[in-house]
PDB file of N, CA and C in Angstrom:
ATOM      1  N   MET A   1     -43.091  67.206-132.665  1.00  0.00           N
ATOM      2  CA  MET A   1     -44.311  66.475-132.441  1.00  0.00           C
ATOM      3  C   MET A   1     -45.494  67.380-132.787  1.00  0.00           C
ATOM      4  N   HIS A   2     -46.532  66.781-133.355  1.00  0.00           N
ATOM      5  CA  HIS A   2     -47.750  67.496-133.711  1.00  0.00           C
ATOM      6  C   HIS A   2     -48.920  66.877-132.963  1.00  0.00           C
ATOM      7  N   THR A   3     -49.838  67.711-132.570  1.00  0.00           N
ATOM      8  CA  THR A   3     -51.061  67.245-131.934  1.00  0.00           C
ATOM      9  C   THR A   3     -52.227  67.668-132.797  1.00  0.00           C
ATOM     10  N   ILE A   4     -53.073  66.730-133.129  1.00  0.00           N
ATOM     11  CA  ILE A   4     -54.263  67.006-133.922  1.00  0.00           C
ATOM     12  C   ILE A   4     -55.472  66.674-133.063  1.00  0.00           C
ATOM     13  N   VAL A   5     -56.403  67.603-133.008  1.00  0.00           N
ATOM     14  CA  VAL A   5     -57.594  67.420-132.184  1.00  0.00           C
ATOM     15  C   VAL A   5     -58.824  67.456-133.074  1.00  0.00           C
ATOM     16  N   TYR A   6     -59.703  66.496-132.886  1.00  0.00           N
ATOM     17  CA  TYR A   6     -60.970  66.457-133.608  1.00  0.00           C
ATOM     18  C   TYR A   6     -62.105  66.455-132.601  1.00  0.00           C
ATOM     19  N   LEU A   7     -63.153  67.156-132.935  1.00  0.00           N
ATOM     20  CA  LEU A   7     -64.368  67.136-132.128  1.00  0.00           C
ATOM     21  C   LEU A   7     -65.474  66.516-132.976  1.00  0.00           C
ATOM     22  N   PHE A   8     -66.146  65.538-132.428  1.00  0.00           N
ATOM     23  CA  PHE A   8     -67.218  64.865-133.141  1.00  0.00           C
ATOM     24  C   PHE A   8     -68.541  65.189-132.472  1.00  0.00           C
ATOM     25  N   LYS A   9     -69.531  65.545-133.273  1.00  0.00           N
ATOM     26  CA  LYS A   9     -70.862  65.815-132.753  1.00  0.00           C
ATOM     27  C   LYS A   9     -71.754  64.626-133.064  1.00  0.00           C
ATOM     28  N   ARG A  10     -72.512  64.222-132.080  1.00  0.00           N
ATOM     29  CA  ARG A  10     -73.402  63.070-132.250  1.00  0.00           C
ATOM     30  C   ARG A  10     -74.571  63.450-133.156  1.00  0.00           C
ATOM     31  N   LYS A  11     -74.867  62.597-134.130  1.00  0.00           N
ATOM     32  CA  LYS A  11     -75.987  62.833-135.034  1.00  0.00           C
ATOM     33  C   LYS A  11     -77.313  62.670-134.287  1.00  0.00           C
ATOM     34  N   PRO A  12     -78.308  63.456-134.680  1.00  0.00           N
ATOM     35  CA  PRO A  12     -79.625  63.291-134.054  1.00  0.00           C
ATOM     36  C   PRO A  12     -80.137  61.868-134.263  1.00  0.00           C
ATOM     37  N   GLY A  13     -80.727  61.302-133.230  1.00  0.00           N
ATOM     38  CA  GLY A  13     -81.256  59.943-133.318  1.00  0.00           C
ATOM     39  C   GLY A  13     -80.262  58.868-132.913  1.00  0.00           C
ATOM     40  N   LEU A  14     -79.006  59.229-132.759  1.00  0.00           N
ATOM     41  CA  LEU A  14     -77.974  58.269-132.360  1.00  0.00           C
ATOM     42  C   LEU A  14     -77.868  58.294-130.835  1.00  0.00           C
ATOM     43  N   THR A  15     -77.966  57.131-130.215  1.00  0.00           N
ATOM     44  CA  THR A  15     -77.872  57.084-128.756  1.00  0.00           C
ATOM     45  C   THR A  15     -76.425  57.330-128.323  1.00  0.00           C
ATOM     46  N   ARG A  16     -76.259  57.647-127.066  1.00  0.00           N
ATOM     47  CA  ARG A  16     -74.916  57.869-126.532  1.00  0.00           C
ATOM     48  C   ARG A  16     -74.067  56.605-126.645  1.00  0.00           C
ATOM     49  N   ALA A  17     -74.686  55.453-126.408  1.00  0.00           N
ATOM     50  CA  ALA A  17     -73.960  54.176-126.508  1.00  0.00           C
ATOM     51  C   ALA A  17     -73.530  53.902-127.949  1.00  0.00           C
ATOM     52  N   GLN A  18     -74.402  54.169-128.914  1.00  0.00           N
ATOM     53  CA  GLN A  18     -74.056  53.958-130.320  1.00  0.00           C
ATOM     54  C   GLN A  18     -72.914  54.884-130.741  1.00  0.00           C
ATOM     55  N   PHE A  19     -72.994  56.132-130.296  1.00  0.00           N
ATOM     56  CA  PHE A  19     -71.951  57.095-130.631  1.00  0.00           C
ATOM     57  C   PHE A  19     -70.602  56.668-130.037  1.00  0.00           C
ATOM     58  N   SER A  20     -70.611  56.217-128.801  1.00  0.00           N
ATOM     59  CA  SER A  20     -69.379  55.761-128.159  1.00  0.00           C
ATOM     60  C   SER A  20     -68.766  54.593-128.915  1.00  0.00           C
ATOM     61  N   ARG A  21     -69.610  53.680-129.373  1.00  0.00           N
ATOM     62  CA  ARG A  21     -69.124  52.517-130.134  1.00  0.00           C
ATOM     63  C   ARG A  21     -68.462  52.959-131.438  1.00  0.00           C
ATOM     64  N   LEU A  22     -69.096  53.871-132.162  1.00  0.00           N
ATOM     65  CA  LEU A  22     -68.518  54.380-133.407  1.00  0.00           C
ATOM     66  C   LEU A  22     -67.191  55.094-133.143  1.00  0.00           C
ATOM     67  N   TYR A  23     -67.129  55.831-132.059  1.00  0.00           N
ATOM     68  CA  TYR A  23     -65.925  56.570-131.687  1.00  0.00           C
ATOM     69  C   TYR A  23     -64.767  55.604-131.409  1.00  0.00           C
ATOM     70  N   LEU A  24     -65.030  54.533-130.684  1.00  0.00           N
ATOM     71  CA  LEU A  24     -63.989  53.548-130.398  1.00  0.00           C
ATOM     72  C   LEU A  24     -63.535  52.832-131.665  1.00  0.00           C
ATOM     73  N   ASP A  25     -64.482  52.492-132.539  1.00  0.00           N
ATOM     74  CA  ASP A  25     -64.131  51.831-133.799  1.00  0.00           C
ATOM     75  C   ASP A  25     -63.281  52.745-134.674  1.00  0.00           C
ATOM     76  N   HIS A  26     -63.560  54.040-134.669  1.00  0.00           N
ATOM     77  CA  HIS A  26     -62.776  54.994-135.443  1.00  0.00           C
ATOM     78  C   HIS A  26     -61.316  54.966-134.987  1.00  0.00           C
ATOM     79  N   GLY A  27     -61.099  54.884-133.693  1.00  0.00           N
ATOM     80  CA  GLY A  27     -59.738  54.832-133.159  1.00  0.00           C
ATOM     81  C   GLY A  27     -58.978  53.615-133.639  1.00  0.00           C
ATOM     82  N   ARG A  28     -59.654  52.497-133.680  1.00  0.00           N
ATOM     83  CA  ARG A  28     -59.000  51.270-134.164  1.00  0.00           C
ATOM     84  C   ARG A  28     -58.585  51.415-135.626  1.00  0.00           C
ATOM     85  N   LEU A  29     -59.434  52.056-136.433  1.00  0.00           N
ATOM     86  CA  LEU A  29     -59.095  52.272-137.844  1.00  0.00           C
ATOM     87  C   LEU A  29     -57.920  53.230-137.989  1.00  0.00           C
ATOM     88  N   MET A  30     -57.884  54.272-137.164  1.00  0.00           N
ATOM     89  CA  MET A  30     -56.783  55.236-137.225  1.00  0.00           C
ATOM     90  C   MET A  30     -55.445  54.542-136.951  1.00  0.00           C
ATOM     91  N   VAL A  31     -55.410  53.728-135.935  1.00  0.00           N
ATOM     92  CA  VAL A  31     -54.179  53.035-135.567  1.00  0.00           C
ATOM     93  C   VAL A  31     -53.757  52.080-136.677  1.00  0.00           C
ATOM     94  N   ARG A  32     -54.724  51.485-137.310  1.00  0.00           N
ATOM     95  CA  ARG A  32     -54.420  50.481-138.340  1.00  0.00           C
ATOM     96  C   ARG A  32     -53.919  51.092-139.648  1.00  0.00           C
ATOM     97  N   PHE A  33     -54.490  52.235-140.045  1.00  0.00           N
ATOM     98  CA  PHE A  33     -54.210  52.760-141.380  1.00  0.00           C
ATOM     99  C   PHE A  33     -53.378  54.037-141.439  1.00  0.00           C
ATOM    100  N   ALA A  34     -53.148  54.689-140.321  1.00  0.00           N
ATOM    101  CA  ALA A  34     -52.384  55.942-140.340  1.00  0.00           C
ATOM    102  C   ALA A  34     -50.888  55.616-140.356  1.00  0.00           C
ATOM    103  N   ILE A  35     -50.269  55.849-141.479  1.00  0.00           N
ATOM    104  CA  ILE A  35     -48.848  55.554-141.647  1.00  0.00           C
ATOM    105  C   ILE A  35     -48.026  56.534-140.819  1.00  0.00           C
ATOM    106  N   GLY A  36     -47.110  56.025-140.038  1.00  0.00           N
ATOM    107  CA  GLY A  36     -46.232  56.859-139.240  1.00  0.00           C
ATOM    108  C   GLY A  36     -46.819  57.314-137.912  1.00  0.00           C
ATOM    109  N   LEU A  37     -48.025  56.886-137.614  1.00  0.00           N
ATOM    110  CA  LEU A  37     -48.660  57.267-136.352  1.00  0.00           C
ATOM    111  C   LEU A  37     -47.954  56.558-135.203  1.00  0.00           C
ATOM    112  N   LEU A  38     -47.464  57.329-134.273  1.00  0.00           N
ATOM    113  CA  LEU A  38     -46.747  56.749-133.142  1.00  0.00           C
ATOM    114  C   LEU A  38     -47.657  56.496-131.948  1.00  0.00           C
ATOM    115  N   ARG A  39     -48.649  57.350-131.787  1.00  0.00           N
ATOM    116  CA  ARG A  39     -49.546  57.195-130.647  1.00  0.00           C
ATOM    117  C   ARG A  39     -50.902  57.789-130.992  1.00  0.00           C
ATOM    118  N   TYR A  40     -51.948  57.145-130.539  1.00  0.00           N
ATOM    119  CA  TYR A  40     -53.313  57.625-130.754  1.00  0.00           C
ATOM    120  C   TYR A  40     -54.056  57.490-129.437  1.00  0.00           C
ATOM    121  N   GLU A  41     -54.582  58.590-128.950  1.00  0.00           N
ATOM    122  CA  GLU A  41     -55.309  58.577-127.684  1.00  0.00           C
ATOM    123  C   GLU A  41     -56.696  59.152-127.889  1.00  0.00           C
ATOM    124  N   GLN A  42     -57.657  58.594-127.177  1.00  0.00           N
ATOM    125  CA  GLN A  42     -59.024  59.099-127.216  1.00  0.00           C
ATOM    126  C   GLN A  42     -59.402  59.564-125.813  1.00  0.00           C
ATOM    127  N   PHE A  43     -60.048  60.697-125.757  1.00  0.00           N
ATOM    128  CA  PHE A  43     -60.521  61.245-124.498  1.00  0.00           C
ATOM    129  C   PHE A  43     -61.991  61.623-124.661  1.00  0.00           C
ATOM    130  N   PRO A  44     -62.880  60.657-124.531  1.00  0.00           N
ATOM    131  CA  PRO A  44     -64.300  60.964-124.726  1.00  0.00           C
ATOM    132  C   PRO A  44     -64.819  61.920-123.655  1.00  0.00           C
ATOM    133  N   ALA A  45     -65.738  62.777-124.066  1.00  0.00           N
ATOM    134  CA  ALA A  45     -66.330  63.738-123.135  1.00  0.00           C
ATOM    135  C   ALA A  45     -67.214  63.010-122.135  1.00  0.00           C
ATOM    136  N   ARG A  46     -67.237  63.559-120.951  1.00  0.00           N
ATOM    137  CA  ARG A  46     -68.104  62.998-119.919  1.00  0.00           C
ATOM    138  C   ARG A  46     -69.461  63.673-119.992  1.00  0.00           C
ATOM    139  N   GLN A  47     -70.472  62.967-119.571  1.00  0.00           N
ATOM    140  CA  GLN A  47     -71.820  63.508-119.575  1.00  0.00           C
ATOM    141  C   GLN A  47     -71.949  64.525-118.438  1.00  0.00           C
ATOM    142  N   VAL A  48     -72.490  65.674-118.750  1.00  0.00           N
ATOM    143  CA  VAL A  48     -72.654  66.736-117.762  1.00  0.00           C
ATOM    144  C   VAL A  48     -73.930  66.487-116.973  1.00  0.00           C
ATOM    145  N   ARG A  49     -73.792  66.593-115.656  1.00  0.00           N
ATOM    146  CA  ARG A  49     -74.961  66.436-114.794  1.00  0.00           C
ATOM    147  C   ARG A  49     -75.679  67.765-114.681  1.00  0.00           C
ATOM    148  N   ARG A  50     -76.993  67.722-114.671  1.00  0.00           N
ATOM    149  CA  ARG A  50     -77.759  68.954-114.513  1.00  0.00           C
ATOM    150  C   ARG A  50     -77.556  69.509-113.105  1.00  0.00           C
ATOM    151  N   GLY A  51     -77.432  70.816-113.028  1.00  0.00           N
ATOM    152  CA  GLY A  51     -77.260  71.457-111.752  1.00  0.00           C
ATOM    153  C   GLY A  51     -75.836  71.437-111.229  1.00  0.00           C
ATOM    154  N   TRP A  52     -74.919  70.852-111.992  1.00  0.00           N
ATOM    155  CA  TRP A  52     -73.541  70.780-111.553  1.00  0.00           C
ATOM    156  C   TRP A  52     -72.900  72.143-111.721  1.00  0.00           C
ATOM    157  N   PRO A  53     -72.125  72.659-110.885  1.00  0.00           N
ATOM    158  CA  PRO A  53     -71.543  72.077-109.686  1.00  0.00           C
ATOM    159  C   PRO A  53     -72.305  72.400-108.408  1.00  0.00           C
ATOM    160  N   ASN A  54     -73.536  72.822-108.479  1.00  0.00           N
ATOM    161  CA  ASN A  54     -74.307  73.211-107.277  1.00  0.00           C
ATOM    162  C   ASN A  54     -74.430  72.113-106.279  1.00  0.00           C
TER     163      ASN A  54
END
């Protein structure tokens, strides 16, 4: 089994909601067109709170 990890950086001017939408759509395309793909999982980063963990 192989694990491939990608990190995506949000473009300036793109809202968090827009970026999340693009990220989810990318996953749907991967599942549809990646030949031999058995499983595809997305783990979006959580927003960091200021002052955390204080």
